[in-house]
Amino acid sequence: MKENGLLDLDEFRAAIRPDTVLASVMAVNNEIGVIQDIDAIGKICREKGVIFHVDAAQATGKMPIDLTKLPVDLMSFSAHKTYGPKASARCTCAASRASAWKRRCTRRP
């Protein structure tokens, strides 16, 4: 992590081990306002065969979200952040990646 709160992409890439299955990143930090480079992080995860989850609770309305273009496997949202009901959330899964998840999650060490 850099001093400004952004993920250091080189450190992130180096931290992924052969047994890493999942990486989860907060797209927008609600305390310091940092917006992570989801596209770049997702590309590293794809390159390494790691499932990529994005917590987008703070991102709706603050950045464009197009799940057909972002290299994201799982993305979670919270309705109350965009004037929806409290305690209502959604986790969206990229169906096109389901077979890759199954292979990755059932792989034996």
N, C-alpha and C. Protein backbone atom coordinates (compact mmCIF):
# COMPACT_ATOMS: atom_id res chain seq x y z
N MET A 1 0.84 -1.17 0.00
CA MET A 1 0.00 0.00 0.00
C MET A 1 0.89 1.23 0.00
N LYS A 2 0.54 2.18 -0.85
CA LYS A 2 1.28 3.43 -0.90
C LYS A 2 0.79 4.37 0.21
N GLU A 3 1.54 5.42 0.47
CA GLU A 3 1.16 6.39 1.50
C GLU A 3 -0.19 7.04 1.23
N ASN A 4 -0.53 7.19 -0.04
CA ASN A 4 -1.79 7.85 -0.39
C ASN A 4 -3.00 6.90 -0.32
N GLY A 5 -2.78 5.65 0.05
CA GLY A 5 -3.87 4.69 0.18
C GLY A 5 -4.10 3.82 -1.04
N LEU A 6 -3.41 4.12 -2.12
CA LEU A 6 -3.54 3.29 -3.32
C LEU A 6 -2.74 2.01 -3.18
N LEU A 7 -3.25 0.96 -3.75
CA LEU A 7 -2.55 -0.32 -3.74
C LEU A 7 -1.32 -0.22 -4.63
N ASP A 8 -0.17 -0.64 -4.13
CA ASP A 8 1.05 -0.68 -4.93
C ASP A 8 0.96 -1.94 -5.79
N LEU A 9 0.79 -1.77 -7.08
CA LEU A 9 0.55 -2.90 -7.98
C LEU A 9 1.71 -3.88 -8.04
N ASP A 10 2.94 -3.38 -7.96
CA ASP A 10 4.10 -4.28 -7.96
C ASP A 10 4.14 -5.12 -6.69
N GLU A 11 3.86 -4.50 -5.55
CA GLU A 11 3.82 -5.24 -4.29
C GLU A 11 2.67 -6.26 -4.30
N PHE A 12 1.55 -5.86 -4.85
CA PHE A 12 0.40 -6.76 -4.93
C PHE A 12 0.74 -7.98 -5.77
N ARG A 13 1.31 -7.76 -6.94
CA ARG A 13 1.70 -8.87 -7.82
C ARG A 13 2.68 -9.81 -7.11
N ALA A 14 3.64 -9.24 -6.40
CA ALA A 14 4.65 -10.03 -5.70
C ALA A 14 4.06 -10.79 -4.51
N ALA A 15 3.00 -10.28 -3.93
CA ALA A 15 2.40 -10.91 -2.74
C ALA A 15 1.54 -12.12 -3.09
N ILE A 16 1.13 -12.24 -4.34
CA ILE A 16 0.29 -13.37 -4.73
C ILE A 16 1.15 -14.63 -4.80
N ARG A 17 0.75 -15.61 -3.99
CA ARG A 17 1.48 -16.88 -3.92
C ARG A 17 0.78 -17.92 -4.79
N PRO A 18 1.44 -19.05 -5.05
CA PRO A 18 0.79 -20.09 -5.85
C PRO A 18 -0.51 -20.63 -5.23
N ASP A 19 -0.63 -20.54 -3.90
CA ASP A 19 -1.84 -21.03 -3.23
C ASP A 19 -2.87 -19.92 -2.97
N THR A 20 -2.65 -18.73 -3.50
CA THR A 20 -3.63 -17.65 -3.36
C THR A 20 -4.84 -17.96 -4.23
N VAL A 21 -6.02 -17.92 -3.64
CA VAL A 21 -7.25 -18.24 -4.36
C VAL A 21 -8.07 -16.99 -4.64
N LEU A 22 -8.09 -16.05 -3.69
CA LEU A 22 -8.99 -14.91 -3.77
C LEU A 22 -8.27 -13.63 -3.35
N ALA A 23 -8.54 -12.55 -4.07
CA ALA A 23 -8.10 -11.21 -3.68
C ALA A 23 -9.35 -10.35 -3.58
N SER A 24 -9.45 -9.55 -2.53
CA SER A 24 -10.61 -8.70 -2.33
C SER A 24 -10.13 -7.28 -2.08
N VAL A 25 -10.68 -6.33 -2.83
CA VAL A 25 -10.25 -4.94 -2.77
C VAL A 25 -11.46 -4.04 -2.63
N MET A 26 -11.33 -3.02 -1.81
CA MET A 26 -12.35 -1.99 -1.67
C MET A 26 -12.15 -0.99 -2.81
N ALA A 27 -13.13 -0.84 -3.68
CA ALA A 27 -12.98 0.04 -4.86
C ALA A 27 -12.78 1.49 -4.46
N VAL A 28 -13.60 1.98 -3.55
CA VAL A 28 -13.51 3.36 -3.08
C VAL A 28 -13.47 3.34 -1.56
N ASN A 29 -12.48 3.98 -0.99
CA ASN A 29 -12.37 4.03 0.47
C ASN A 29 -13.25 5.14 1.00
N ASN A 30 -14.14 4.80 1.92
CA ASN A 30 -15.09 5.77 2.44
C ASN A 30 -14.47 6.77 3.42
N GLU A 31 -13.27 6.51 3.90
CA GLU A 31 -12.65 7.42 4.86
C GLU A 31 -11.69 8.41 4.21
N ILE A 32 -10.91 7.94 3.23
CA ILE A 32 -9.93 8.85 2.61
C ILE A 32 -10.24 9.15 1.14
N GLY A 33 -11.25 8.49 0.59
CA GLY A 33 -11.71 8.81 -0.76
C GLY A 33 -10.89 8.25 -1.90
N VAL A 34 -9.95 7.38 -1.61
CA VAL A 34 -9.10 6.79 -2.66
C VAL A 34 -9.93 5.87 -3.56
N ILE A 35 -9.70 5.98 -4.86
CA ILE A 35 -10.33 5.09 -5.83
C ILE A 35 -9.24 4.20 -6.43
N GLN A 36 -9.35 2.89 -6.17
CA GLN A 36 -8.34 1.94 -6.64
C GLN A 36 -8.47 1.71 -8.15
N ASP A 37 -7.39 1.30 -8.77
CA ASP A 37 -7.37 0.99 -10.20
C ASP A 37 -7.86 -0.45 -10.38
N ILE A 38 -9.18 -0.61 -10.40
CA ILE A 38 -9.79 -1.94 -10.46
C ILE A 38 -9.40 -2.68 -11.72
N ASP A 39 -9.30 -1.99 -12.83
CA ASP A 39 -8.92 -2.63 -14.09
C ASP A 39 -7.52 -3.25 -13.99
N ALA A 40 -6.56 -2.50 -13.49
CA ALA A 40 -5.18 -2.99 -13.38
C ALA A 40 -5.07 -4.13 -12.37
N ILE A 41 -5.75 -4.00 -11.24
CA ILE A 41 -5.71 -5.06 -10.22
C ILE A 41 -6.35 -6.33 -10.77
N GLY A 42 -7.47 -6.17 -11.47
CA GLY A 42 -8.15 -7.32 -12.06
C GLY A 42 -7.30 -8.04 -13.10
N LYS A 43 -6.57 -7.27 -13.88
CA LYS A 43 -5.69 -7.89 -14.89
C LYS A 43 -4.59 -8.71 -14.23
N ILE A 44 -4.06 -8.23 -13.12
CA ILE A 44 -3.04 -8.99 -12.38
C ILE A 44 -3.66 -10.29 -11.86
N CYS A 45 -4.86 -10.19 -11.31
CA CYS A 45 -5.54 -11.39 -10.80
C CYS A 45 -5.78 -12.41 -11.91
N ARG A 46 -6.21 -11.95 -13.07
CA ARG A 46 -6.43 -12.86 -14.20
C ARG A 46 -5.12 -13.52 -14.62
N GLU A 47 -4.08 -12.72 -14.68
CA GLU A 47 -2.75 -13.21 -15.06
C GLU A 47 -2.27 -14.31 -14.10
N LYS A 48 -2.61 -14.16 -12.82
CA LYS A 48 -2.16 -15.10 -11.78
C LYS A 48 -3.19 -16.20 -11.49
N GLY A 49 -4.36 -16.14 -12.14
CA GLY A 49 -5.39 -17.15 -11.90
C GLY A 49 -6.07 -17.02 -10.55
N VAL A 50 -6.19 -15.80 -10.06
CA VAL A 50 -6.79 -15.53 -8.75
C VAL A 50 -8.19 -14.95 -8.93
N ILE A 51 -9.15 -15.43 -8.17
CA ILE A 51 -10.50 -14.89 -8.18
C ILE A 51 -10.44 -13.48 -7.59
N PHE A 52 -11.11 -12.53 -8.23
CA PHE A 52 -11.05 -11.13 -7.82
C PHE A 52 -12.41 -10.63 -7.38
N HIS A 53 -12.51 -10.24 -6.10
CA HIS A 53 -13.73 -9.65 -5.54
C HIS A 53 -13.50 -8.17 -5.31
N VAL A 54 -14.50 -7.37 -5.64
CA VAL A 54 -14.44 -5.93 -5.40
C VAL A 54 -15.61 -5.53 -4.51
N ASP A 55 -15.29 -4.88 -3.40
CA ASP A 55 -16.30 -4.28 -2.54
C ASP A 55 -16.62 -2.92 -3.15
N ALA A 56 -17.77 -2.82 -3.78
CA ALA A 56 -18.14 -1.59 -4.48
C ALA A 56 -19.21 -0.80 -3.74
N ALA A 57 -19.36 -1.04 -2.44
CA ALA A 57 -20.39 -0.36 -1.66
C ALA A 57 -20.27 1.16 -1.77
N GLN A 58 -19.06 1.67 -1.75
CA GLN A 58 -18.84 3.12 -1.82
C GLN A 58 -18.68 3.62 -3.25
N ALA A 59 -18.61 2.72 -4.20
CA ALA A 59 -18.27 3.10 -5.58
C ALA A 59 -19.47 3.55 -6.41
N THR A 60 -20.65 3.05 -6.11
CA THR A 60 -21.81 3.40 -6.94
C THR A 60 -22.05 4.90 -6.91
N GLY A 61 -22.14 5.46 -8.09
CA GLY A 61 -22.34 6.89 -8.23
C GLY A 61 -21.06 7.71 -8.19
N LYS A 62 -19.94 7.06 -7.90
CA LYS A 62 -18.66 7.78 -7.81
C LYS A 62 -17.69 7.41 -8.92
N MET A 63 -17.95 6.29 -9.56
CA MET A 63 -17.10 5.82 -10.66
C MET A 63 -17.94 4.97 -11.59
N PRO A 64 -17.56 4.91 -12.87
CA PRO A 64 -18.32 4.05 -13.79
C PRO A 64 -18.10 2.57 -13.44
N ILE A 65 -19.17 1.80 -13.46
CA ILE A 65 -19.09 0.36 -13.19
C ILE A 65 -19.74 -0.37 -14.36
N ASP A 66 -18.92 -1.03 -15.15
CA ASP A 66 -19.41 -1.82 -16.28
C ASP A 66 -18.80 -3.21 -16.15
N LEU A 67 -19.58 -4.13 -15.62
CA LEU A 67 -19.06 -5.48 -15.36
C LEU A 67 -18.79 -6.28 -16.62
N THR A 68 -19.23 -5.77 -17.77
CA THR A 68 -18.89 -6.45 -19.03
C THR A 68 -17.48 -6.07 -19.48
N LYS A 69 -16.93 -5.01 -18.91
CA LYS A 69 -15.60 -4.55 -19.30
C LYS A 69 -14.54 -4.72 -18.22
N LEU A 70 -14.93 -4.69 -16.96
CA LEU A 70 -13.96 -4.81 -15.87
C LEU A 70 -13.57 -6.27 -15.65
N PRO A 71 -12.30 -6.56 -15.40
CA PRO A 71 -11.87 -7.93 -15.11
C PRO A 71 -12.13 -8.29 -13.64
N VAL A 72 -13.41 -8.37 -13.31
CA VAL A 72 -13.86 -8.62 -11.94
C VAL A 72 -14.68 -9.91 -11.94
N ASP A 73 -14.44 -10.76 -10.94
CA ASP A 73 -15.20 -12.00 -10.83
C ASP A 73 -16.42 -11.85 -9.93
N LEU A 74 -16.24 -11.16 -8.83
CA LEU A 74 -17.31 -10.93 -7.85
C LEU A 74 -17.32 -9.46 -7.47
N MET A 75 -18.51 -8.87 -7.38
CA MET A 75 -18.60 -7.48 -6.95
C MET A 75 -19.79 -7.35 -6.02
N SER A 76 -19.56 -6.77 -4.85
CA SER A 76 -20.65 -6.59 -3.90
C SER A 76 -21.02 -5.12 -3.78
N PHE A 77 -22.32 -4.90 -3.57
CA PHE A 77 -22.89 -3.55 -3.47
C PHE A 77 -23.75 -3.48 -2.21
N SER A 78 -23.96 -2.29 -1.70
CA SER A 78 -24.84 -2.07 -0.57
C SER A 78 -25.88 -1.02 -0.97
N ALA A 79 -27.15 -1.36 -0.86
CA ALA A 79 -28.22 -0.49 -1.35
C ALA A 79 -28.30 0.84 -0.59
N HIS A 80 -28.05 0.83 0.70
CA HIS A 80 -28.25 2.07 1.47
C HIS A 80 -27.26 3.18 1.10
N LYS A 81 -26.20 2.85 0.39
CA LYS A 81 -25.25 3.87 -0.06
C LYS A 81 -25.79 4.69 -1.22
N THR A 82 -26.84 4.17 -1.87
CA THR A 82 -27.47 4.91 -2.98
C THR A 82 -28.97 5.04 -2.73
N TYR A 83 -29.32 5.38 -1.50
CA TYR A 83 -30.69 5.68 -1.07
C TYR A 83 -31.63 4.47 -1.14
N GLY A 84 -31.08 3.29 -1.10
CA GLY A 84 -31.90 2.08 -1.04
C GLY A 84 -32.14 1.69 0.41
N PRO A 85 -32.85 0.60 0.64
CA PRO A 85 -33.14 0.17 2.00
C PRO A 85 -31.89 -0.34 2.72
N LYS A 86 -31.81 -0.07 4.02
CA LYS A 86 -30.69 -0.57 4.82
C LYS A 86 -30.78 -2.09 4.91
N ALA A 87 -29.62 -2.70 5.10
CA ALA A 87 -29.48 -4.16 5.23
C ALA A 87 -29.83 -4.89 3.94
N SER A 88 -29.78 -4.18 2.81
CA SER A 88 -30.02 -4.80 1.52
C SER A 88 -28.73 -4.71 0.70
N ALA A 89 -28.27 -5.85 0.22
CA ALA A 89 -27.01 -5.88 -0.51
C ALA A 89 -27.11 -6.86 -1.67
N ARG A 90 -26.09 -6.82 -2.52
CA ARG A 90 -26.05 -7.71 -3.67
C ARG A 90 -24.60 -8.09 -3.94
N CYS A 91 -24.41 -9.34 -4.30
CA CYS A 91 -23.10 -9.80 -4.76
C CYS A 91 -23.31 -10.33 -6.17
N THR A 92 -22.65 -9.71 -7.13
CA THR A 92 -22.79 -10.10 -8.53
C THR A 92 -21.61 -10.97 -8.92
N CYS A 93 -21.91 -12.07 -9.59
CA CYS A 93 -20.88 -13.01 -10.01
C CYS A 93 -20.81 -13.05 -11.53
N ALA A 94 -19.61 -13.07 -12.06
CA ALA A 94 -19.41 -13.16 -13.50
C ALA A 94 -19.57 -14.62 -13.92
N ALA A 95 -20.70 -14.95 -14.50
CA ALA A 95 -21.00 -16.33 -14.88
C ALA A 95 -19.98 -16.91 -15.84
N SER A 96 -19.39 -16.06 -16.66
CA SER A 96 -18.41 -16.53 -17.64
C SER A 96 -17.15 -17.07 -16.96
N ARG A 97 -16.95 -16.76 -15.67
CA ARG A 97 -15.76 -17.21 -14.96
C ARG A 97 -16.04 -18.39 -14.03
N ALA A 98 -17.27 -18.90 -13.99
CA ALA A 98 -17.65 -19.94 -13.04
C ALA A 98 -16.78 -21.19 -13.14
N SER A 99 -16.48 -21.65 -14.34
CA SER A 99 -15.66 -22.86 -14.47
C SER A 99 -14.24 -22.62 -13.98
N ALA A 100 -13.72 -21.42 -14.19
CA ALA A 100 -12.38 -21.10 -13.69
C ALA A 100 -12.37 -21.10 -12.16
N TRP A 101 -13.44 -20.60 -11.54
CA TRP A 101 -13.50 -20.59 -10.07
C TRP A 101 -13.53 -22.01 -9.55
N LYS A 102 -14.34 -22.85 -10.20
CA LYS A 102 -14.46 -24.24 -9.73
C LYS A 102 -13.11 -24.93 -9.80
N ARG A 103 -12.39 -24.77 -10.91
CA ARG A 103 -11.07 -25.39 -11.03
C ARG A 103 -10.13 -24.84 -9.95
N ARG A 104 -10.15 -23.56 -9.74
CA ARG A 104 -9.23 -22.91 -8.80
C ARG A 104 -9.54 -23.30 -7.37
N CYS A 105 -10.82 -23.36 -7.01
CA CYS A 105 -11.20 -23.63 -5.64
C CYS A 105 -11.13 -25.09 -5.26
N THR A 106 -11.12 -25.98 -6.24
CA THR A 106 -11.04 -27.41 -5.93
C THR A 106 -9.64 -27.96 -6.16
N ARG A 107 -8.71 -27.11 -6.55
CA ARG A 107 -7.34 -27.55 -6.80
C ARG A 107 -6.70 -27.98 -5.48
N ARG A 108 -6.04 -29.06 -5.50
CA ARG A 108 -5.35 -29.59 -4.32
C ARG A 108 -3.91 -29.10 -4.30
N PRO A 109 -3.40 -28.80 -3.09
CA PRO A 109 -1.98 -28.35 -3.00
C PRO A 109 -1.00 -29.45 -3.35
